[in-house]
Protein backbone atom coordinates (compact mmCIF):
# COMPACT_ATOMS: atom_id res chain seq x y z
CA UNK A 1 132.84 -126.30 -65.93
CA UNK A 2 133.96 -124.05 -68.49
CA UNK A 3 130.66 -124.25 -70.57
CA UNK A 4 128.21 -123.40 -67.55
CA UNK A 5 130.67 -120.49 -66.45
CA UNK A 6 129.93 -118.81 -69.61
CA UNK A 7 126.14 -118.92 -69.53
CA UNK A 8 124.22 -115.63 -69.32
CA UNK A 9 122.07 -115.01 -66.44
CA UNK A 10 118.30 -115.68 -66.16
CA UNK A 11 116.35 -112.23 -65.13
CA UNK A 12 113.03 -112.39 -64.43
CA UNK A 13 110.90 -109.30 -64.52
CA UNK A 14 107.52 -108.91 -63.07
CA UNK A 15 104.81 -106.08 -64.41
CA UNK A 16 102.05 -104.85 -62.17
CA UNK A 17 99.05 -104.70 -64.25
CA UNK A 18 96.38 -102.11 -62.93
CA UNK A 19 92.71 -102.56 -63.59
CA UNK A 20 90.76 -100.07 -64.89
CA UNK A 21 92.84 -98.68 -67.89
CA UNK A 22 94.39 -96.23 -65.66
CA UNK A 23 91.17 -94.64 -64.59
CA UNK A 24 91.86 -94.98 -60.87
CA UNK A 25 88.64 -96.97 -60.19
CA UNK A 26 85.12 -95.75 -59.91
CA UNK A 27 85.44 -93.46 -56.86
CA UNK A 28 85.09 -90.31 -58.68
CA UNK A 29 81.76 -90.97 -60.37
CA UNK A 30 80.45 -91.51 -56.57
CA UNK A 31 82.01 -88.27 -56.01
CA UNK A 32 80.61 -86.60 -59.20
CA UNK A 33 76.94 -88.05 -58.33
CA UNK A 34 76.84 -86.62 -54.99
CA UNK A 35 77.74 -83.26 -56.36
CA UNK A 36 74.76 -83.12 -58.74
CA UNK A 37 72.41 -84.52 -56.03
CA UNK A 38 73.56 -81.57 -54.17
CA UNK A 39 73.30 -78.85 -56.92
CA UNK A 40 69.68 -80.42 -57.85
CA UNK A 41 68.69 -80.02 -53.84
CA UNK A 42 70.16 -76.66 -54.20
CA UNK A 43 68.24 -75.37 -57.38
CA UNK A 44 65.04 -77.00 -56.07
CA UNK A 45 65.03 -75.08 -52.61
CA UNK A 46 66.05 -71.60 -54.52
CA UNK A 47 62.88 -72.41 -56.79
CA UNK A 48 60.27 -73.10 -53.89
CA UNK A 49 61.69 -69.78 -52.05
CA UNK A 50 60.86 -67.96 -54.74
CA UNK A 51 57.59 -69.71 -55.86
CA UNK A 52 55.92 -69.98 -52.57
CA UNK A 53 54.44 -67.53 -49.98
CA UNK A 54 55.62 -67.29 -46.35
CA UNK A 55 52.50 -69.00 -45.19
CA UNK A 56 53.42 -71.88 -47.78
CA UNK A 57 56.78 -71.93 -46.56
CA UNK A 58 55.51 -72.21 -42.76
CA UNK A 59 53.59 -75.25 -43.77
CA UNK A 60 56.42 -76.77 -45.70
CA UNK A 61 58.76 -76.30 -42.56
CA UNK A 62 55.97 -77.43 -40.22
CA UNK A 63 55.46 -80.67 -42.13
CA UNK A 64 59.13 -81.86 -41.81
CA UNK A 65 59.32 -80.70 -38.12
CA UNK A 66 59.01 -83.63 -35.93
CA UNK A 67 58.80 -81.47 -32.87
CA UNK A 68 55.32 -80.04 -33.63
CA UNK A 69 52.30 -82.09 -33.06
CA UNK A 70 50.01 -79.62 -34.13
CA UNK A 71 50.31 -76.74 -36.06
CA UNK A 72 48.30 -73.55 -36.74
CA UNK A 73 49.23 -73.72 -40.54
CA UNK A 74 48.06 -77.01 -42.35
CA UNK A 75 51.13 -79.45 -43.57
CA UNK A 76 49.56 -79.55 -47.00
CA UNK A 77 46.91 -82.31 -47.10
CA UNK A 78 43.36 -81.80 -46.73
CA UNK A 79 42.58 -84.91 -45.09
CA UNK A 80 42.63 -86.08 -41.42
CA UNK A 81 45.97 -85.78 -41.40
CA UNK A 82 46.22 -82.45 -43.08
CA UNK A 83 47.18 -80.41 -40.01
CA UNK A 84 43.53 -78.77 -40.02
CA UNK A 85 41.42 -78.25 -36.79
CA UNK A 86 38.73 -80.49 -36.67
CA UNK A 87 36.56 -77.54 -35.35
CA UNK A 88 35.23 -76.19 -38.51
CA UNK A 89 34.57 -72.71 -36.68
CA UNK A 90 38.41 -72.41 -36.50
CA UNK A 91 39.24 -73.77 -40.15
CA UNK A 92 38.05 -70.39 -41.79
CA UNK A 93 40.48 -67.86 -40.03
CA UNK A 94 43.58 -70.31 -39.99
CA UNK A 95 43.53 -71.52 -43.54
CA UNK A 96 41.08 -69.53 -45.34
CA UNK A 97 38.39 -72.58 -45.96
CA UNK A 98 35.67 -73.90 -43.83
CA UNK A 99 32.45 -72.03 -42.20
CA UNK A 100 31.46 -69.79 -39.63
CA UNK A 101 28.14 -69.28 -38.07
CA UNK A 102 27.90 -66.05 -40.15
CA UNK A 103 29.24 -67.42 -43.22
CA UNK A 104 28.21 -71.16 -43.30
CA UNK A 105 29.10 -73.20 -46.64
CA UNK A 106 27.07 -75.92 -48.44
CA UNK A 107 28.71 -78.63 -46.65
CA UNK A 108 26.80 -79.89 -43.96
CA UNK A 109 29.60 -80.85 -41.82
CA UNK A 110 31.53 -77.77 -42.64
CA UNK A 111 28.71 -76.05 -40.79
CA UNK A 112 28.37 -78.25 -37.57
CA UNK A 113 24.75 -78.64 -38.53
CA UNK A 114 22.82 -80.92 -36.42
CA UNK A 115 19.94 -81.61 -39.02
CA UNK A 116 17.60 -78.88 -36.87
CA UNK A 117 18.90 -75.76 -38.70
CA UNK A 118 16.02 -73.63 -40.86
CA UNK A 119 18.87 -71.32 -42.60
CA UNK A 120 18.39 -72.62 -46.15
CA UNK A 121 14.62 -72.03 -45.73
CA UNK A 122 14.89 -68.61 -43.99
CA UNK A 123 17.51 -67.52 -46.98
CA UNK A 124 15.32 -68.75 -49.87
CA UNK A 125 12.10 -66.81 -47.78
CA UNK A 126 14.14 -63.72 -47.71
CA UNK A 127 15.37 -63.77 -51.44
CA UNK A 128 11.40 -64.22 -52.31
CA UNK A 129 10.52 -61.13 -50.08
CA UNK A 130 13.20 -58.94 -51.37
CA UNK A 131 12.20 -59.72 -55.20
CA UNK A 132 8.56 -59.09 -54.27
CA UNK A 133 9.58 -55.57 -52.83
CA UNK A 134 12.20 -54.85 -55.74
CA UNK A 135 9.15 -55.75 -57.98
CA UNK A 136 6.84 -53.43 -56.27
CA UNK A 137 9.27 -50.64 -56.28
CA UNK A 138 10.70 -51.09 -60.01
CA UNK A 139 7.44 -52.62 -61.76
CA UNK A 140 9.41 -55.31 -63.39
CA UNK A 141 6.52 -57.63 -63.20
CA UNK A 142 3.77 -55.34 -63.85
CA UNK A 143 2.78 -51.91 -62.84
CA UNK A 144 5.16 -50.11 -60.51
CA UNK A 145 3.80 -48.79 -56.82
CA UNK A 146 6.05 -45.78 -57.42
CA UNK A 147 5.47 -42.58 -59.36
CA UNK A 148 8.53 -42.19 -62.47
CA UNK A 149 9.53 -38.81 -60.47
CA UNK A 150 10.08 -40.77 -57.10
CA UNK A 151 11.47 -43.62 -58.70
CA UNK A 152 14.64 -41.74 -60.33
CA UNK A 153 15.71 -41.36 -56.78
CA UNK A 154 15.65 -44.97 -55.72
CA UNK A 155 18.30 -47.20 -56.17
CA UNK A 156 17.99 -51.00 -54.54
CA UNK A 157 20.68 -54.17 -54.29
CA UNK A 158 20.65 -57.07 -52.15
CA UNK A 159 23.95 -57.60 -49.91
CA UNK A 160 24.82 -60.03 -47.15
CA UNK A 161 22.97 -58.00 -44.44
CA UNK A 162 19.73 -57.84 -46.68
CA UNK A 163 17.63 -55.54 -49.34
CA UNK A 164 19.02 -51.73 -49.49
CA UNK A 165 16.62 -49.43 -50.66
CA UNK A 166 18.93 -46.23 -51.52
CA UNK A 167 17.20 -43.06 -51.82
CA UNK A 168 19.39 -40.02 -52.86
CA UNK A 169 19.56 -36.08 -54.01
CA UNK A 170 19.22 -35.44 -57.57
CA UNK A 171 20.50 -31.74 -58.94
CA UNK A 172 17.99 -29.26 -57.84
CA UNK A 173 15.73 -32.16 -55.78
CA UNK A 174 17.21 -32.45 -52.28
CA UNK A 175 15.66 -34.62 -49.75
CA UNK A 176 16.36 -32.53 -47.08
CA UNK A 177 15.82 -28.26 -46.77
CA UNK A 178 19.20 -26.54 -47.07
CA UNK A 179 21.62 -28.68 -45.34
CA UNK A 180 19.33 -29.44 -42.40
CA UNK A 181 17.35 -32.53 -41.37
CA UNK A 182 14.01 -30.98 -42.42
CA UNK A 183 12.41 -33.05 -44.96
CA UNK A 184 11.13 -31.57 -47.95
CA UNK A 185 7.72 -32.76 -49.81
CA UNK A 186 9.33 -34.86 -51.67
CA UNK A 187 11.15 -36.89 -49.25
CA UNK A 188 7.85 -37.13 -47.40
CA UNK A 189 6.22 -38.85 -50.31
CA UNK A 190 9.05 -41.22 -50.59
CA UNK A 191 8.56 -42.26 -46.98
CA UNK A 192 4.82 -42.83 -47.65
CA UNK A 193 5.55 -45.19 -50.46
CA UNK A 194 8.38 -47.10 -48.75
CA UNK A 195 6.05 -47.40 -45.77
CA UNK A 196 3.29 -48.75 -47.77
CA UNK A 197 5.50 -51.06 -50.08
CA UNK A 198 7.79 -52.21 -46.90
CA UNK A 199 4.31 -53.46 -45.58
CA UNK A 200 4.46 -56.46 -47.84
CA UNK A 201 7.23 -58.16 -45.66
CA UNK A 202 7.76 -58.50 -42.07
CA UNK A 203 11.74 -58.05 -41.83
CA UNK A 204 13.12 -55.73 -39.44
CA UNK A 205 14.87 -52.53 -40.86
CA UNK A 206 17.38 -50.25 -40.33
CA UNK A 207 17.74 -46.56 -41.46
CA UNK A 208 21.42 -45.04 -42.16
CA UNK A 209 22.15 -41.46 -43.03
CA UNK A 210 24.93 -40.43 -45.45
CA UNK A 211 26.04 -36.86 -46.41
CA UNK A 212 28.21 -35.19 -48.95
CA UNK A 213 31.90 -33.98 -47.86
CA UNK A 214 32.06 -30.48 -47.28
CA UNK A 215 34.81 -28.41 -49.71
CA UNK A 216 36.95 -27.03 -46.78
CA UNK A 217 38.12 -28.36 -43.42
CA UNK A 218 36.01 -26.91 -40.84
CA UNK A 219 36.84 -27.23 -36.87
CA UNK A 220 33.30 -28.29 -36.40
CA UNK A 221 32.36 -30.29 -39.22
CA UNK A 222 28.60 -31.29 -38.89
CA UNK A 223 28.48 -34.09 -41.06
CA UNK A 224 28.11 -36.78 -38.26
CA UNK A 225 25.33 -35.01 -36.49
CA UNK A 226 23.32 -34.08 -39.73
CA UNK A 227 23.65 -37.79 -41.01
CA UNK A 228 22.33 -39.31 -37.82
CA UNK A 229 19.78 -36.47 -37.55
CA UNK A 230 18.47 -37.22 -41.08
CA UNK A 231 18.46 -40.99 -40.36
CA UNK A 232 16.20 -40.00 -37.43
CA UNK A 233 14.09 -37.74 -39.24
CA UNK A 234 13.47 -40.47 -41.98
CA UNK A 235 12.35 -42.99 -39.04
CA UNK A 236 10.10 -40.45 -37.86
CA UNK A 237 8.58 -39.99 -41.13
CA UNK A 238 8.11 -43.68 -41.78
CA UNK A 239 6.62 -44.53 -38.50
CA UNK A 240 4.17 -41.44 -38.95
CA UNK A 241 3.32 -43.19 -42.33
CA UNK A 242 1.82 -46.29 -40.63
CA UNK A 243 5.25 -48.14 -40.24
CA UNK A 244 5.35 -50.49 -36.98
CA UNK A 245 8.05 -48.72 -34.92
CA UNK A 246 9.29 -52.12 -33.51
CA UNK A 247 10.42 -53.24 -36.83
CA UNK A 248 13.13 -50.41 -37.17
CA UNK A 249 16.16 -51.79 -35.01
CA UNK A 250 19.03 -49.65 -35.94
CA UNK A 251 19.12 -46.07 -36.92
CA UNK A 252 22.54 -44.81 -37.56
CA UNK A 253 24.72 -41.61 -39.18
CA UNK A 254 27.84 -42.49 -41.47
CA UNK A 255 28.79 -39.03 -42.46
CA UNK A 256 30.83 -38.80 -45.65
CA UNK A 257 32.84 -41.83 -44.84
CA UNK A 258 31.03 -44.38 -47.54
CA UNK A 259 30.38 -42.17 -50.66
CA UNK A 260 28.25 -43.61 -53.27
CA UNK A 261 30.39 -42.12 -56.06
CA UNK A 262 34.07 -41.14 -56.58
CA UNK A 263 33.39 -37.47 -55.86
CA UNK A 264 33.08 -37.19 -52.28
CA UNK A 265 31.46 -33.47 -52.71
CA UNK A 266 28.72 -35.01 -55.41
CA UNK A 267 25.30 -34.40 -54.54
CA UNK A 268 24.67 -38.37 -55.13
CA UNK A 269 26.35 -38.58 -51.53
CA UNK A 270 23.41 -37.06 -49.72
CA UNK A 271 21.57 -40.10 -49.27
CA UNK A 272 19.28 -42.38 -46.92
CA UNK A 273 19.73 -46.19 -47.04
CA UNK A 274 16.53 -48.11 -45.86
CA UNK A 275 17.78 -51.93 -44.98
CA UNK A 276 15.42 -54.64 -45.12
CA UNK A 277 17.39 -57.17 -42.75
CA UNK A 278 17.34 -60.71 -43.39
CA UNK A 279 15.75 -62.88 -40.72
CA UNK A 280 19.09 -64.22 -39.47
CA UNK A 281 20.48 -60.83 -38.57
């Protein structure tokens, strides 16, 4: 009895072992990944706002909007599901591609062509006619039909509307007398030559008058009436020289609103433009 009473009591200690080495598990890693993802999305949004136009941002917003079945701006694609109108005439004003009746593309479907169009043949015929007239004026393919003194007054160019024959004043060699609509002998010679050369083709024609600006502001500025009267005087001269009057479809005066050179008061701005119109105009 006395031996057992002197025995020391047995004490059992239980030590709790925490897994993960005291790093509180992996929950912090998930939170950090979410934070990094959010920051990447934020900086991507900032870059998109800085690198895109208002129209592109509208397209991106529409692409992610489930409530807009048909959008005025394409969602970004260029195929059947790109958001563009199936009507080619509406694509050009909306997204800058496609065609209109006056600005057809080379793609047959974009033009809405049915196989009955002769636009390509007419354009080729017009270009050939314009080259023929230019060669007759300038003599690029041989002898010119225009005297050298008259040729100095003539500049030609081809535009979407047709061939423009620009005849203008030169210093000391005006087309009209004393700022009026009375033609000089020089203009009469030019009209006779143009009536002869333009008989090579059958295109309709337009006559446009332009004048230089006045150096002072006048209460009754004559530039509008003067340019229109000069254009009409040129039309009369062409008809008197044998041009079929039915070919002239337009006579207009542009005053001093379309100067040919930077100085609006320059003599070069006193000019007449004879347009050989394309057949589809």
